Amino acid sequence: MSLTAGVVAVQGDVEEHAAAIERAVRAHNREVTVHEIRDSGTVPDCDLLAMPGGESTTISRLLHSEGIAAEIQAHVAAGKPLLATCAGLIVASSDAADDRVEELGVLDVTVERNAFGRQKDSFEAPLDVAGLDEPYPAVFIRAPAIDDMGDATVLASWDGRPVAVKQGPVVGTAFHPELTPDSRIHGLAFFENDDATVPALKDA
């Protein structure tokens, strides 16, 4: 069965996410068509979604003005997987601690923006991620951190702070998994099998 994937393309590393999705799907012996989403009408046809980083206030404004926000919420409510990274995590949260961000509320977490510093403080770190056998090379760029967990489960922490979480079909990361050739985080978000690499979309 071929899958249909969407990358929310109002900002961020869209091509990199699309390539990571293709690698993750190929690793599970599936085929995928990836769409860049800038308008409403495409999300309902998608089996899985990725929401990249960028600037969270701009992303949230465009999602709501273009009618995409409600479609993402319906996608999650239907149990379909969503991977939200960096600013995408902020927008997906229930509390961005910033009145300028209109959150989607699909992850019951509170986030702190730029918790690990500004652009000049970017770094890469080996993360122990629940469900992965080996450390993951996580790239942090103006990364948020998660303060209050709500109903989400921590998948990984750095410096004592949660940086990857899961709630239902949603995985959120404070780092940028699309900026490494390692597609295991995308696999973790989008598939479910018994090899500890993937928890949401069951192989047909």
Protein backbone atom coordinates (compact mmCIF):
# COMPACT_ATOMS: atom_id res chain seq x y z
CA MET A 1 0.00 0.00 0.00
CA SER A 2 1.35 3.42 -0.98
CA LEU A 3 1.16 6.15 1.64
CA THR A 4 0.35 9.84 1.23
CA ALA A 5 2.43 12.19 3.36
CA GLY A 6 2.22 15.91 3.89
CA VAL A 7 4.82 18.42 5.02
CA VAL A 8 3.36 21.67 6.31
CA ALA A 9 5.22 24.08 4.05
CA VAL A 10 4.42 27.54 5.38
CA GLN A 11 7.98 27.75 6.80
CA GLY A 12 10.97 25.61 7.70
CA ASP A 13 13.01 22.76 6.24
CA VAL A 14 10.32 21.40 3.94
CA GLU A 15 12.52 19.58 1.42
CA GLU A 16 14.63 18.06 4.18
CA HIS A 17 11.54 16.70 5.95
CA ALA A 18 10.20 15.31 2.67
CA ALA A 19 13.50 13.51 2.05
CA ALA A 20 13.54 12.12 5.61
CA ILE A 21 9.98 10.83 5.21
CA GLU A 22 10.93 9.09 1.97
CA ARG A 23 13.95 7.44 3.65
CA ALA A 24 11.88 6.31 6.64
CA VAL A 25 9.14 4.88 4.44
CA ARG A 26 11.63 3.06 2.22
CA ALA A 27 13.21 1.55 5.35
CA HIS A 28 9.82 -0.06 6.03
CA ASN A 29 9.46 -1.36 2.48
CA ARG A 30 6.65 1.01 1.60
CA GLU A 31 6.08 3.66 -1.05
CA VAL A 32 5.07 7.25 -0.39
CA THR A 33 3.98 10.38 -2.19
CA VAL A 34 4.92 13.55 -0.32
CA HIS A 35 2.92 16.77 -0.72
CA GLU A 36 3.95 20.26 0.38
CA ILE A 37 1.00 21.81 2.23
CA ARG A 38 0.45 25.55 1.91
CA ASP A 39 -3.35 25.63 1.59
CA SER A 40 -6.32 23.80 3.02
CA GLY A 41 -7.69 20.72 1.29
CA THR A 42 -4.63 18.45 1.20
CA VAL A 43 -4.30 17.37 4.84
CA PRO A 44 -7.49 15.24 4.83
CA ASP A 45 -5.92 13.01 2.14
CA CYS A 46 -2.70 12.46 4.11
CA ASP A 47 -1.83 9.34 6.09
CA LEU A 48 0.93 11.15 7.98
CA LEU A 49 2.13 14.70 8.52
CA ALA A 50 5.29 16.56 9.44
CA MET A 51 5.25 20.13 10.78
CA PRO A 52 8.72 21.72 10.51
CA GLY A 53 10.31 24.50 12.51
CA GLY A 54 10.61 28.14 11.58
CA GLU A 55 9.05 31.03 13.49
CA SER A 56 6.19 29.82 15.67
CA THR A 57 4.13 33.03 15.60
CA THR A 58 4.25 33.12 11.78
CA ILE A 59 3.51 29.40 11.45
CA SER A 60 0.48 29.56 13.75
CA ARG A 61 -0.89 32.67 12.01
CA LEU A 62 -0.60 31.10 8.56
CA LEU A 63 -2.06 27.75 9.64
CA HIS A 64 -5.17 29.46 10.94
CA SER A 65 -5.53 32.02 8.14
CA GLU A 66 -5.19 29.32 5.46
CA GLY A 67 -7.61 26.91 7.15
CA ILE A 68 -4.91 24.28 7.75
CA ALA A 69 -5.04 24.35 11.56
CA ALA A 70 -8.44 22.70 11.89
CA GLU A 71 -7.43 20.05 9.34
CA ILE A 72 -4.33 19.15 11.38
CA GLN A 73 -6.44 18.89 14.53
CA ALA A 74 -8.88 16.59 12.71
CA HIS A 75 -5.96 14.52 11.37
CA VAL A 76 -4.71 13.92 14.92
CA ALA A 77 -8.22 13.29 16.25
CA ALA A 78 -8.54 10.54 13.63
CA GLY A 79 -5.44 8.86 15.07
CA LYS A 80 -3.15 9.69 12.16
CA PRO A 81 0.51 10.42 12.94
CA LEU A 82 2.01 13.89 13.18
CA LEU A 83 5.68 14.74 13.73
CA ALA A 84 6.12 18.31 15.00
CA THR A 85 9.69 19.63 15.24
CA CYS A 86 11.19 22.68 16.96
CA ALA A 87 8.78 25.57 16.26
CA GLY A 88 6.31 22.94 15.04
CA LEU A 89 6.38 21.52 18.58
CA ILE A 90 5.60 24.99 19.96
CA VAL A 91 2.60 25.36 17.64
CA ALA A 92 1.39 21.82 18.38
CA SER A 93 1.52 22.41 22.14
CA SER A 94 -1.33 23.32 24.46
CA ASP A 95 0.63 26.27 25.90
CA ALA A 96 3.38 28.10 24.03
CA ALA A 97 3.77 30.62 26.88
CA ASP A 98 3.40 33.35 24.23
CA ASP A 99 0.13 35.14 23.50
CA ARG A 100 1.19 35.66 19.88
CA VAL A 101 1.04 31.92 19.20
CA GLU A 102 -2.37 30.34 18.60
CA GLU A 103 -1.62 26.75 19.61
CA LEU A 104 -3.15 23.67 17.99
CA GLY A 105 -3.43 21.93 21.37
CA VAL A 106 -2.64 18.46 20.00
CA LEU A 107 0.18 17.93 22.53
CA ASP A 108 -0.64 18.50 26.19
CA VAL A 109 2.63 20.26 27.03
CA THR A 110 3.89 23.71 27.94
CA VAL A 111 7.01 24.85 26.11
CA GLU A 112 9.72 27.43 26.64
CA ARG A 113 10.98 29.04 23.44
CA ASN A 114 14.75 29.31 22.84
CA ALA A 115 15.37 27.37 26.05
CA PHE A 116 18.86 26.30 24.91
CA GLY A 117 19.96 29.69 23.58
CA ARG A 118 19.87 31.62 20.34
CA GLN A 119 21.19 30.74 16.87
CA LYS A 120 24.83 31.09 17.93
CA ASP A 121 24.25 28.51 20.67
CA SER A 122 23.24 25.75 18.23
CA PHE A 123 24.72 22.32 18.94
CA GLU A 124 24.48 18.61 18.19
CA ALA A 125 24.07 16.04 20.96
CA PRO A 126 23.76 12.24 21.17
CA LEU A 127 20.30 11.59 22.61
CA ASP A 128 19.06 8.41 24.20
CA VAL A 129 15.55 8.13 22.75
CA ALA A 130 12.97 5.67 24.03
CA GLY A 131 12.33 3.14 21.27
CA LEU A 132 15.73 3.56 19.57
CA ASP A 133 18.56 1.12 20.18
CA GLU A 134 21.40 3.60 19.60
CA PRO A 135 21.83 7.31 20.50
CA TYR A 136 20.32 9.74 18.01
CA PRO A 137 22.44 12.67 16.65
CA ALA A 138 20.07 15.51 17.52
CA VAL A 139 20.62 18.99 16.04
CA PHE A 140 19.44 21.83 18.31
CA ILE A 141 18.91 25.27 16.73
CA ARG A 142 17.16 27.92 18.88
CA ALA A 143 15.53 24.91 20.46
CA PRO A 144 12.56 25.02 22.83
CA ALA A 145 12.25 22.79 25.88
CA ILE A 146 9.20 21.25 27.48
CA ASP A 147 8.24 22.47 30.95
CA ASP A 148 4.94 20.86 31.92
CA MET A 149 4.10 17.43 30.56
CA GLY A 150 0.35 17.02 30.92
CA ASP A 151 -0.62 13.68 29.36
CA ALA A 152 2.42 13.38 27.08
CA THR A 153 5.20 10.83 27.58
CA VAL A 154 8.87 11.79 27.54
CA LEU A 155 10.90 10.07 24.83
CA ALA A 156 14.18 11.92 25.41
CA SER A 157 15.73 14.58 27.63
CA TRP A 158 18.82 16.76 27.44
CA ASP A 159 20.41 18.61 30.34
CA GLY A 160 17.55 17.42 32.53
CA ARG A 161 14.80 18.85 30.29
CA PRO A 162 12.41 16.92 28.02
CA VAL A 163 13.18 17.46 24.32
CA ALA A 164 11.09 14.72 22.69
CA VAL A 165 7.59 13.62 23.68
CA LYS A 166 4.74 11.47 22.45
CA GLN A 167 1.00 11.68 23.02
CA GLY A 168 -1.28 9.42 21.01
CA PRO A 169 -0.34 9.75 17.34
CA VAL A 170 1.74 12.91 17.89
CA VAL A 171 5.52 13.01 18.37
CA GLY A 172 7.11 16.35 19.16
CA THR A 173 10.82 17.15 19.19
CA ALA A 174 12.71 20.26 20.25
CA PHE A 175 15.46 19.40 17.77
CA HIS A 176 15.63 19.10 13.97
CA PRO A 177 15.64 15.43 12.89
CA GLU A 178 15.41 16.45 9.24
CA LEU A 179 18.95 17.90 9.37
CA THR A 180 20.64 14.52 9.72
CA PRO A 181 20.64 11.54 7.34
CA ASP A 182 19.40 9.42 10.27
CA SER A 183 15.66 9.00 9.64
CA ARG A 184 14.87 7.02 12.80
CA ILE A 185 12.88 9.83 14.43
CA HIS A 186 10.62 10.01 11.39
CA GLY A 187 10.31 6.23 11.56
CA LEU A 188 9.54 6.46 15.28
CA ALA A 189 6.74 8.90 14.57
CA PHE A 190 5.18 7.17 11.59
CA PHE A 191 5.28 3.39 12.01
CA GLU A 192 4.57 0.62 14.48
CA ASN A 193 6.23 -2.78 14.51
CA ASP A 194 8.17 -5.00 16.86
CA ASP A 195 11.71 -3.80 16.20
CA ALA A 196 11.55 -0.78 18.52
CA THR A 197 11.87 1.74 15.74
CA VAL A 198 8.36 2.98 15.09
CA PRO A 199 5.00 3.62 16.97
CA ALA A 200 2.02 4.91 14.98
CA LEU A 201 1.21 3.72 11.48
CA LYS A 202 0.78 -0.06 11.39
CA ASP A 203 2.11 -1.92 8.38
CA ALA A 204 -0.75 -3.16 6.22
